[in-house]
Amino acid sequence: MTEIISFPNLNLSFEINKTAFSIGGFEVRWYGVLIGLGMLAAIIYALFAVRKTKLSQDDLLNMTIIGLPCAIIGARAYYVIFNWNAYKEDLSQIFAIRNGGLAIYGGIIAAALVVIICCKIKKINVGIPFDLLAVGLPMAQAIGRWGNFVNGEAYGRETNLPWAMSIGEYVNMVHPTFLYESLWNVIGVIIVLIYKRFKKFDGEQFCVYMIWYGIGRFWIEGLRTDSLYLGAFRISQLVASLSVAAGIAIILWKRFYKKSEAE
């Protein structure tokens, strides 16, 4: 299954085969491979970074083993719930995730809940694994977004910008929003890593990630043509706004209100 994806103003054209390889007749799509590579990169980073924290590698691995499948389920459930009309006539399509349809916010929420529950059970400072997620999540997203490129999806509205892309014969030149988000997350990884020097409490890096990603997602979502809606509002923009507000509020509360209480 191939697709022609081009950047006409740059004279670039790519013939993309959505299938990476086959095993016994079962096709493994690049979409899943790229998402898997993103997750693997995040796990490798976390396993190295955790050595400099009070969290053990065993506890981290336990959270990962439970969290990864829950994140995938959460990402799919979020997408299906808010796009129910596309699935209600054929429920079997709910499980066809190789064709796309994973909402990142659903994955983040599910993963976050797993981390919180595990930390409560093991009496671990929840801020420590969340700061690891603050780097791992945008790292995984930066790689995983290229799965949307291979699938020819998650693009924006029409544009004549020099880097505009076209998909097949049926999509005019549009914003490559998958690329915008990938690059935004690369910058996010750098910002969160640099911010580590200035953090005052465990979990603050995750707050910075919430703010940075929320701002970018709000802007990028406004360009997309495949948004999930709640009434007249784009759901991702609503969640992005809440993420930014929550990140700012937690930092202010922990840095100033809690500090004044201690004094």
C-alpha atoms as a PDB file:
ATOM      1  CA  MET A   1       0.000   0.000   0.000  1.00  0.00           C
ATOM      2  CA  THR A   2       1.798   3.115  -1.216  1.00  0.00           C
ATOM      3  CA  GLU A   3       1.066   6.831  -1.110  1.00  0.00           C
ATOM      4  CA  ILE A   4       2.726   9.751  -2.887  1.00  0.00           C
ATOM      5  CA  ILE A   5       3.504  12.567  -0.449  1.00  0.00           C
ATOM      6  CA  SER A   6       5.104  15.637  -1.963  1.00  0.00           C
ATOM      7  CA  PHE A   7       6.301  19.123  -1.094  1.00  0.00           C
ATOM      8  CA  PRO A   8       5.630  20.861  -4.438  1.00  0.00           C
ATOM      9  CA  ASN A   9       7.292  24.188  -3.587  1.00  0.00           C
ATOM     10  CA  LEU A  10      10.471  22.358  -2.612  1.00  0.00           C
ATOM     11  CA  ASN A  11      10.350  19.960  -5.564  1.00  0.00           C
ATOM     12  CA  LEU A  12      10.356  16.989  -3.212  1.00  0.00           C
ATOM     13  CA  SER A  13       8.268  13.855  -3.667  1.00  0.00           C
ATOM     14  CA  PHE A  14       8.211  10.600  -1.704  1.00  0.00           C
ATOM     15  CA  GLU A  15       6.552   7.309  -2.535  1.00  0.00           C
ATOM     16  CA  ILE A  16       5.627   5.974   0.890  1.00  0.00           C
ATOM     17  CA  ASN A  17       4.849   2.326   1.520  1.00  0.00           C
ATOM     18  CA  LYS A  18       2.750   2.125   4.678  1.00  0.00           C
ATOM     19  CA  THR A  19       3.897  -1.451   5.299  1.00  0.00           C
ATOM     20  CA  ALA A  20       7.317  -1.793   6.917  1.00  0.00           C
ATOM     21  CA  PHE A  21       7.498  -5.581   6.578  1.00  0.00           C
ATOM     22  CA  SER A  22       5.343  -8.706   6.679  1.00  0.00           C
ATOM     23  CA  ILE A  23       5.459 -11.727   8.979  1.00  0.00           C
ATOM     24  CA  GLY A  24       3.557 -14.767   7.731  1.00  0.00           C
ATOM     25  CA  GLY A  25       1.241 -12.587   5.694  1.00  0.00           C
ATOM     26  CA  PHE A  26       0.676 -10.154   8.580  1.00  0.00           C
ATOM     27  CA  GLU A  27       1.611  -6.615   7.620  1.00  0.00           C
ATOM     28  CA  VAL A  28       3.487  -4.507  10.146  1.00  0.00           C
ATOM     29  CA  ARG A  29       2.797  -0.850   9.394  1.00  0.00           C
ATOM     30  CA  TRP A  30       5.336   1.959   9.689  1.00  0.00           C
ATOM     31  CA  TYR A  31       2.772   3.792  11.829  1.00  0.00           C
ATOM     32  CA  GLY A  32       3.127   1.216  14.599  1.00  0.00           C
ATOM     33  CA  VAL A  33       6.888   0.866  14.107  1.00  0.00           C
ATOM     34  CA  LEU A  34       7.461   4.599  14.523  1.00  0.00           C
ATOM     35  CA  ILE A  35       5.237   4.838  17.582  1.00  0.00           C
ATOM     36  CA  GLY A  36       7.096   1.846  19.023  1.00  0.00           C
ATOM     37  CA  LEU A  37      10.461   3.476  18.319  1.00  0.00           C
ATOM     38  CA  GLY A  38       9.276   6.629  20.070  1.00  0.00           C
ATOM     39  CA  MET A  39       8.270   4.648  23.134  1.00  0.00           C
ATOM     40  CA  LEU A  40      11.564   2.750  23.086  1.00  0.00           C
ATOM     41  CA  ALA A  41      13.553   5.996  22.973  1.00  0.00           C
ATOM     42  CA  ALA A  42      11.588   7.318  25.963  1.00  0.00           C
ATOM     43  CA  ILE A  43      12.176   4.120  27.949  1.00  0.00           C
ATOM     44  CA  ILE A  44      15.922   4.090  27.216  1.00  0.00           C
ATOM     45  CA  TYR A  45      16.211   7.718  28.314  1.00  0.00           C
ATOM     46  CA  ALA A  46      14.272   7.033  31.518  1.00  0.00           C
ATOM     47  CA  LEU A  47      16.380   3.976  32.413  1.00  0.00           C
ATOM     48  CA  PHE A  48      19.530   6.076  32.226  1.00  0.00           C
ATOM     49  CA  ALA A  49      18.116   9.210  33.853  1.00  0.00           C
ATOM     50  CA  VAL A  50      16.494   7.332  36.766  1.00  0.00           C
ATOM     51  CA  ARG A  51      19.950   6.482  38.148  1.00  0.00           C
ATOM     52  CA  LYS A  52      20.307  10.091  39.296  1.00  0.00           C
ATOM     53  CA  THR A  53      17.008  10.020  41.216  1.00  0.00           C
ATOM     54  CA  LYS A  54      15.643   8.295  44.296  1.00  0.00           C
ATOM     55  CA  LEU A  55      13.466   6.062  42.128  1.00  0.00           C
ATOM     56  CA  SER A  56      14.689   2.508  41.515  1.00  0.00           C
ATOM     57  CA  GLN A  57      14.933   1.017  38.025  1.00  0.00           C
ATOM     58  CA  ASP A  58      12.678  -1.843  39.167  1.00  0.00           C
ATOM     59  CA  ASP A  59       9.907   0.559  40.148  1.00  0.00           C
ATOM     60  CA  LEU A  60      10.345   2.426  36.881  1.00  0.00           C
ATOM     61  CA  LEU A  61      10.134  -0.792  34.851  1.00  0.00           C
ATOM     62  CA  ASN A  62       7.003  -1.879  36.742  1.00  0.00           C
ATOM     63  CA  MET A  63       5.342   1.443  35.913  1.00  0.00           C
ATOM     64  CA  THR A  64       6.449   1.102  32.291  1.00  0.00           C
ATOM     65  CA  ILE A  65       5.170  -2.462  31.882  1.00  0.00           C
ATOM     66  CA  ILE A  66       1.767  -1.431  33.199  1.00  0.00           C
ATOM     67  CA  GLY A  67       1.730   2.067  31.758  1.00  0.00           C
ATOM     68  CA  LEU A  68       2.530   1.376  28.099  1.00  0.00           C
ATOM     69  CA  PRO A  69      -0.457  -0.853  27.277  1.00  0.00           C
ATOM     70  CA  CYS A  70      -2.695   1.411  29.347  1.00  0.00           C
ATOM     71  CA  ALA A  71      -1.432   4.448  27.404  1.00  0.00           C
ATOM     72  CA  ILE A  72      -2.224   2.774  24.069  1.00  0.00           C
ATOM     73  CA  ILE A  73      -5.683   1.772  25.292  1.00  0.00           C
ATOM     74  CA  GLY A  74      -6.259   5.274  26.668  1.00  0.00           C
ATOM     75  CA  ALA A  75      -5.143   6.916  23.422  1.00  0.00           C
ATOM     76  CA  ARG A  76      -7.477   4.714  21.385  1.00  0.00           C
ATOM     77  CA  ALA A  77     -10.403   5.019  23.798  1.00  0.00           C
ATOM     78  CA  TYR A  78     -10.124   8.819  23.812  1.00  0.00           C
ATOM     79  CA  TYR A  79     -10.148   8.921  20.001  1.00  0.00           C
ATOM     80  CA  VAL A  80     -13.052   6.489  19.661  1.00  0.00           C
ATOM     81  CA  ILE A  81     -15.188   8.174  22.328  1.00  0.00           C
ATOM     82  CA  PHE A  82     -14.909  11.591  20.710  1.00  0.00           C
ATOM     83  CA  ASN A  83     -15.249  10.188  17.182  1.00  0.00           C
ATOM     84  CA  TRP A  84     -18.000   7.676  17.938  1.00  0.00           C
ATOM     85  CA  ASN A  85     -19.968   8.256  14.732  1.00  0.00           C
ATOM     86  CA  ALA A  86     -17.103   6.750  12.739  1.00  0.00           C
ATOM     87  CA  TYR A  87     -17.224   3.478  14.707  1.00  0.00           C
ATOM     88  CA  LYS A  88     -20.787   2.885  15.854  1.00  0.00           C
ATOM     89  CA  GLU A  89     -21.778   1.107  12.611  1.00  0.00           C
ATOM     90  CA  ASP A  90     -18.785  -1.290  12.690  1.00  0.00           C
ATOM     91  CA  LEU A  91     -17.428  -1.888  16.180  1.00  0.00           C
ATOM     92  CA  SER A  92     -14.648  -4.116  14.859  1.00  0.00           C
ATOM     93  CA  GLN A  93     -12.940  -0.985  13.526  1.00  0.00           C
ATOM     94  CA  ILE A  94     -12.309   0.126  17.103  1.00  0.00           C
ATOM     95  CA  PHE A  95      -9.436  -2.355  17.202  1.00  0.00           C
ATOM     96  CA  ALA A  96      -7.956  -1.376  13.819  1.00  0.00           C
ATOM     97  CA  ILE A  97      -5.341   0.944  15.297  1.00  0.00           C
ATOM     98  CA  ARG A  98      -2.840   0.184  12.541  1.00  0.00           C
ATOM     99  CA  ASN A  99      -4.850   2.560  10.352  1.00  0.00           C
ATOM    100  CA  GLY A 100      -4.321   5.415  12.784  1.00  0.00           C
ATOM    101  CA  GLY A 101      -6.555   6.985  15.399  1.00  0.00           C
ATOM    102  CA  LEU A 102      -4.546   7.352  18.614  1.00  0.00           C
ATOM    103  CA  ALA A 103      -5.160  10.569  20.542  1.00  0.00           C
ATOM    104  CA  ILE A 104      -2.042  11.599  22.447  1.00  0.00           C
ATOM    105  CA  TYR A 105      -3.950  13.256  25.278  1.00  0.00           C
ATOM    106  CA  GLY A 106      -5.771  10.012  26.007  1.00  0.00           C
ATOM    107  CA  GLY A 107      -2.427   8.232  26.217  1.00  0.00           C
ATOM    108  CA  ILE A 108      -0.930  10.862  28.517  1.00  0.00           C
ATOM    109  CA  ILE A 109      -3.935  10.805  30.853  1.00  0.00           C
ATOM    110  CA  ALA A 110      -3.875   6.989  31.083  1.00  0.00           C
ATOM    111  CA  ALA A 111      -0.108   6.875  31.657  1.00  0.00           C
ATOM    112  CA  ALA A 112      -0.332   9.609  34.288  1.00  0.00           C
ATOM    113  CA  LEU A 113      -3.047   7.731  36.190  1.00  0.00           C
ATOM    114  CA  VAL A 114      -0.924   4.563  36.205  1.00  0.00           C
ATOM    115  CA  VAL A 115       2.063   6.485  37.577  1.00  0.00           C
ATOM    116  CA  ILE A 116      -0.035   8.137  40.296  1.00  0.00           C
ATOM    117  CA  ILE A 117      -1.585   4.832  41.398  1.00  0.00           C
ATOM    118  CA  CYS A 118       1.784   3.029  41.422  1.00  0.00           C
ATOM    119  CA  CYS A 119       3.362   5.847  43.434  1.00  0.00           C
ATOM    120  CA  LYS A 120       0.529   5.792  45.963  1.00  0.00           C
ATOM    121  CA  ILE A 121       0.889   2.029  46.430  1.00  0.00           C
ATOM    122  CA  LYS A 122       4.686   2.106  46.714  1.00  0.00           C
ATOM    123  CA  LYS A 123       4.773   5.420  48.639  1.00  0.00           C
ATOM    124  CA  ILE A 124       7.000   7.047  46.007  1.00  0.00           C
ATOM    125  CA  ASN A 125       7.290  10.793  45.400  1.00  0.00           C
ATOM    126  CA  VAL A 126       5.089  11.110  42.313  1.00  0.00           C
ATOM    127  CA  GLY A 127       7.050  14.093  41.051  1.00  0.00           C
ATOM    128  CA  ILE A 128      10.135  11.968  40.286  1.00  0.00           C
ATOM    129  CA  PRO A 129       8.619   9.708  37.589  1.00  0.00           C
ATOM    130  CA  PHE A 130       6.616  12.647  36.247  1.00  0.00           C
ATOM    131  CA  ASP A 131       9.836  14.568  35.589  1.00  0.00           C
ATOM    132  CA  LEU A 132      11.130  11.554  33.664  1.00  0.00           C
ATOM    133  CA  LEU A 133       7.892  11.596  31.657  1.00  0.00           C
ATOM    134  CA  ALA A 134       8.468  15.291  30.960  1.00  0.00           C
ATOM    135  CA  VAL A 135      11.394  14.326  28.730  1.00  0.00           C
ATOM    136  CA  GLY A 136      10.242  10.888  27.579  1.00  0.00           C
ATOM    137  CA  LEU A 137       6.798  11.962  26.392  1.00  0.00           C
ATOM    138  CA  PRO A 138       7.862  14.737  23.974  1.00  0.00           C
ATOM    139  CA  MET A 139      10.720  12.497  22.804  1.00  0.00           C
ATOM    140  CA  ALA A 140       8.235   9.742  21.945  1.00  0.00           C
ATOM    141  CA  GLN A 141       5.825  12.222  20.372  1.00  0.00           C
ATOM    142  CA  ALA A 142       8.546  13.773  18.192  1.00  0.00           C
ATOM    143  CA  ILE A 143       9.289  10.353  16.685  1.00  0.00           C
ATOM    144  CA  GLY A 144       5.752   8.978  16.707  1.00  0.00           C
ATOM    145  CA  ARG A 145       4.304  11.941  14.760  1.00  0.00           C
ATOM    146  CA  TRP A 146       6.137  10.660  11.695  1.00  0.00           C
ATOM    147  CA  GLY A 147       3.695   7.766  11.769  1.00  0.00           C
ATOM    148  CA  ASN A 148       1.079  10.332  10.752  1.00  0.00           C
ATOM    149  CA  PHE A 149       3.300  11.370   7.851  1.00  0.00           C
ATOM    150  CA  VAL A 150       3.517   7.766   6.620  1.00  0.00           C
ATOM    151  CA  ASN A 151      -0.249   7.346   6.974  1.00  0.00           C
ATOM    152  CA  GLY A 152      -0.913  10.615   5.149  1.00  0.00           C
ATOM    153  CA  GLU A 153      -3.018  11.969   8.008  1.00  0.00           C
ATOM    154  CA  ALA A 154      -3.131  14.686  10.680  1.00  0.00           C
ATOM    155  CA  TYR A 155      -2.461  17.438   8.153  1.00  0.00           C
ATOM    156  CA  GLY A 156      -3.725  21.008   8.268  1.00  0.00           C
ATOM    157  CA  ARG A 157      -5.733  23.367   6.130  1.00  0.00           C
ATOM    158  CA  GLU A 158      -4.642  24.607   2.717  1.00  0.00           C
ATOM    159  CA  THR A 159      -1.617  26.864   2.452  1.00  0.00           C
ATOM    160  CA  ASN A 160       0.909  28.121  -0.119  1.00  0.00           C
ATOM    161  CA  LEU A 161       3.825  28.275   2.308  1.00  0.00           C
ATOM    162  CA  PRO A 162       7.159  27.021   0.901  1.00  0.00           C
ATOM    163  CA  TRP A 163       6.977  23.839   3.001  1.00  0.00           C
ATOM    164  CA  ALA A 164       3.355  22.995   2.164  1.00  0.00           C
ATOM    165  CA  MET A 165       2.756  19.329   1.409  1.00  0.00           C
ATOM    166  CA  SER A 166       0.348  17.394  -0.810  1.00  0.00           C
ATOM    167  CA  ILE A 167      -0.912  13.840  -0.292  1.00  0.00           C
ATOM    168  CA  GLY A 168      -1.745  11.710  -3.312  1.00  0.00           C
ATOM    169  CA  GLU A 169      -3.908  13.222  -6.017  1.00  0.00           C
ATOM    170  CA  TYR A 170      -6.750  14.348  -3.799  1.00  0.00           C
ATOM    171  CA  VAL A 171      -5.271  16.684  -1.191  1.00  0.00           C
ATOM    172  CA  ASN A 172      -4.236  20.210  -2.195  1.00  0.00           C
ATOM    173  CA  MET A 173      -1.186  21.806  -0.614  1.00  0.00           C
ATOM    174  CA  VAL A 174      -1.686  21.842   3.152  1.00  0.00           C
ATOM    175  CA  HIS A 175       0.123  22.574   6.401  1.00  0.00           C
ATOM    176  CA  PRO A 176       2.333  19.593   7.439  1.00  0.00           C
ATOM    177  CA  THR A 177       1.059  19.793  11.008  1.00  0.00           C
ATOM    178  CA  PHE A 178       2.651  16.442  11.875  1.00  0.00           C
ATOM    179  CA  LEU A 179       6.016  18.152  11.222  1.00  0.00           C
ATOM    180  CA  TYR A 180       5.106  21.214  13.278  1.00  0.00           C
ATOM    181  CA  GLU A 181       4.276  19.056  16.269  1.00  0.00           C
ATOM    182  CA  SER A 182       7.346  16.864  15.860  1.00  0.00           C
ATOM    183  CA  LEU A 183       9.651  19.891  15.818  1.00  0.00           C
ATOM    184  CA  TRP A 184       7.742  21.532  18.679  1.00  0.00           C
ATOM    185  CA  ASN A 185       8.353  18.425  20.780  1.00  0.00           C
ATOM    186  CA  VAL A 186      12.066  18.316  19.890  1.00  0.00           C
ATOM    187  CA  ILE A 187      12.378  21.872  21.188  1.00  0.00           C
ATOM    188  CA  GLY A 188      10.311  20.834  24.210  1.00  0.00           C
ATOM    189  CA  VAL A 189      12.786  18.078  25.097  1.00  0.00           C
ATOM    190  CA  ILE A 190      15.619  20.613  25.027  1.00  0.00           C
ATOM    191  CA  ILE A 191      13.704  23.140  27.133  1.00  0.00           C
ATOM    192  CA  VAL A 192      12.704  20.593  29.784  1.00  0.00           C
ATOM    193  CA  LEU A 193      16.263  19.247  30.034  1.00  0.00           C
ATOM    194  CA  ILE A 194      17.701  22.758  30.444  1.00  0.00           C
ATOM    195  CA  TYR A 195      15.005  23.668  32.985  1.00  0.00           C
ATOM    196  CA  LYS A 196      16.186  20.850  35.250  1.00  0.00           C
ATOM    197  CA  ARG A 197      18.908  23.186  36.573  1.00  0.00           C
ATOM    198  CA  PHE A 198      16.321  25.677  37.762  1.00  0.00           C
ATOM    199  CA  LYS A 199      13.583  23.447  39.170  1.00  0.00           C
ATOM    200  CA  LYS A 200      12.657  23.847  42.823  1.00  0.00           C
ATOM    201  CA  PHE A 201      10.526  20.732  43.322  1.00  0.00           C
ATOM    202  CA  ASP A 202      10.049  17.265  41.853  1.00  0.00           C
ATOM    203  CA  GLY A 203       7.418  17.401  39.136  1.00  0.00           C
ATOM    204  CA  GLU A 204       8.226  20.941  38.022  1.00  0.00           C
ATOM    205  CA  GLN A 205       9.738  19.747  34.742  1.00  0.00           C
ATOM    206  CA  PHE A 206       6.456  17.998  33.957  1.00  0.00           C
ATOM    207  CA  CYS A 207       4.626  21.274  34.607  1.00  0.00           C
ATOM    208  CA  VAL A 208       6.926  22.975  32.087  1.00  0.00           C
ATOM    209  CA  TYR A 209       6.152  20.206  29.587  1.00  0.00           C
ATOM    210  CA  MET A 210       2.407  20.705  30.160  1.00  0.00           C
ATOM    211  CA  ILE A 211       2.771  24.432  29.471  1.00  0.00           C
ATOM    212  CA  TRP A 212       5.037  24.078  26.436  1.00  0.00           C
ATOM    213  CA  TYR A 213       3.118  21.257  24.775  1.00  0.00           C
ATOM    214  CA  GLY A 214      -0.233  22.847  25.587  1.00  0.00           C
ATOM    215  CA  ILE A 215       0.727  26.122  23.893  1.00  0.00           C
ATOM    216  CA  GLY A 216       1.996  24.322  20.802  1.00  0.00           C
ATOM    217  CA  ARG A 217      -0.923  21.928  20.584  1.00  0.00           C
ATOM    218  CA  PHE A 218      -3.455  24.764  20.885  1.00  0.00           C
ATOM    219  CA  TRP A 219      -1.848  26.559  17.936  1.00  0.00           C
ATOM    220  CA  ILE A 220      -1.287  23.453  15.795  1.00  0.00           C
ATOM    221  CA  GLU A 221      -4.770  22.058  16.452  1.00  0.00           C
ATOM    222  CA  GLY A 222      -6.212  25.298  15.090  1.00  0.00           C
ATOM    223  CA  LEU A 223      -4.591  24.482  11.743  1.00  0.00           C
ATOM    224  CA  ARG A 224      -5.824  20.901  11.499  1.00  0.00           C
ATOM    225  CA  THR A 225      -8.844  19.705   9.548  1.00  0.00           C
ATOM    226  CA  ASP A 226      -9.442  16.446  11.446  1.00  0.00           C
ATOM    227  CA  SER A 227     -10.033  17.778  14.951  1.00  0.00           C
ATOM    228  CA  LEU A 228     -12.322  16.024  17.414  1.00  0.00           C
ATOM    229  CA  TYR A 229     -15.091  18.356  18.607  1.00  0.00           C
ATOM    230  CA  LEU A 230     -17.171  18.795  21.715  1.00  0.00           C
ATOM    231  CA  GLY A 231     -20.003  20.956  20.473  1.00  0.00           C
ATOM    232  CA  ALA A 232     -18.399  23.924  18.731  1.00  0.00           C
ATOM    233  CA  PHE A 233     -15.042  23.511  20.479  1.00  0.00           C
ATOM    234  CA  ARG A 234     -11.990  21.517  19.442  1.00  0.00           C
ATOM    235  CA  ILE A 235     -11.390  19.063  22.275  1.00  0.00           C
ATOM    236  CA  SER A 236      -7.616  19.173  22.009  1.00  0.00           C
ATOM    237  CA  GLN A 237      -7.640  22.955  22.308  1.00  0.00           C
ATOM    238  CA  LEU A 238      -9.777  22.715  25.442  1.00  0.00           C
ATOM    239  CA  VAL A 239      -7.423  20.129  26.981  1.00  0.00           C
ATOM    240  CA  ALA A 240      -4.377  22.139  25.894  1.00  0.00           C
ATOM    241  CA  SER A 241      -5.759  25.243  27.602  1.00  0.00           C
ATOM    242  CA  LEU A 242      -6.382  23.294  30.808  1.00  0.00           C
ATOM    243  CA  SER A 243      -2.858  21.841  30.609  1.00  0.00           C
ATOM    244  CA  VAL A 244      -1.266  25.281  30.342  1.00  0.00           C
ATOM    245  CA  ALA A 245      -3.388  26.676  33.180  1.00  0.00           C
ATOM    246  CA  ALA A 246      -2.687  23.657  35.422  1.00  0.00           C
ATOM    247  CA  GLY A 247       1.064  23.778  34.765  1.00  0.00           C
ATOM    248  CA  ILE A 248       1.286  27.481  35.610  1.00  0.00           C
ATOM    249  CA  ALA A 249      -0.946  27.110  38.673  1.00  0.00           C
ATOM    250  CA  ILE A 250       1.072  24.206  40.132  1.00  0.00           C
ATOM    251  CA  ILE A 251       4.391  26.025  39.662  1.00  0.00           C
ATOM    252  CA  LEU A 252       3.064  29.206  41.285  1.00  0.00           C
ATOM    253  CA  TRP A 253       1.488  27.252  44.127  1.00  0.00           C
ATOM    254  CA  LYS A 254       4.562  25.167  44.878  1.00  0.00           C
ATOM    255  CA  ARG A 255       7.084  27.980  44.462  1.00  0.00           C
ATOM    256  CA  PHE A 256       5.281  30.778  46.268  1.00  0.00           C
ATOM    257  CA  TYR A 257       2.275  29.647  48.305  1.00  0.00           C
ATOM    258  CA  LYS A 258       3.906  26.514  49.752  1.00  0.00           C
ATOM    259  CA  LYS A 259       7.135  28.444  50.322  1.00  0.00           C
ATOM    260  CA  SER A 260       5.340  31.151  52.309  1.00  0.00           C
ATOM    261  CA  GLU A 261       3.613  28.455  54.367  1.00  0.00           C
ATOM    262  CA  ALA A 262       6.973  26.938  55.263  1.00  0.00           C
ATOM    263  CA  GLU A 263       8.300  30.334  56.358  1.00  0.00           C
END
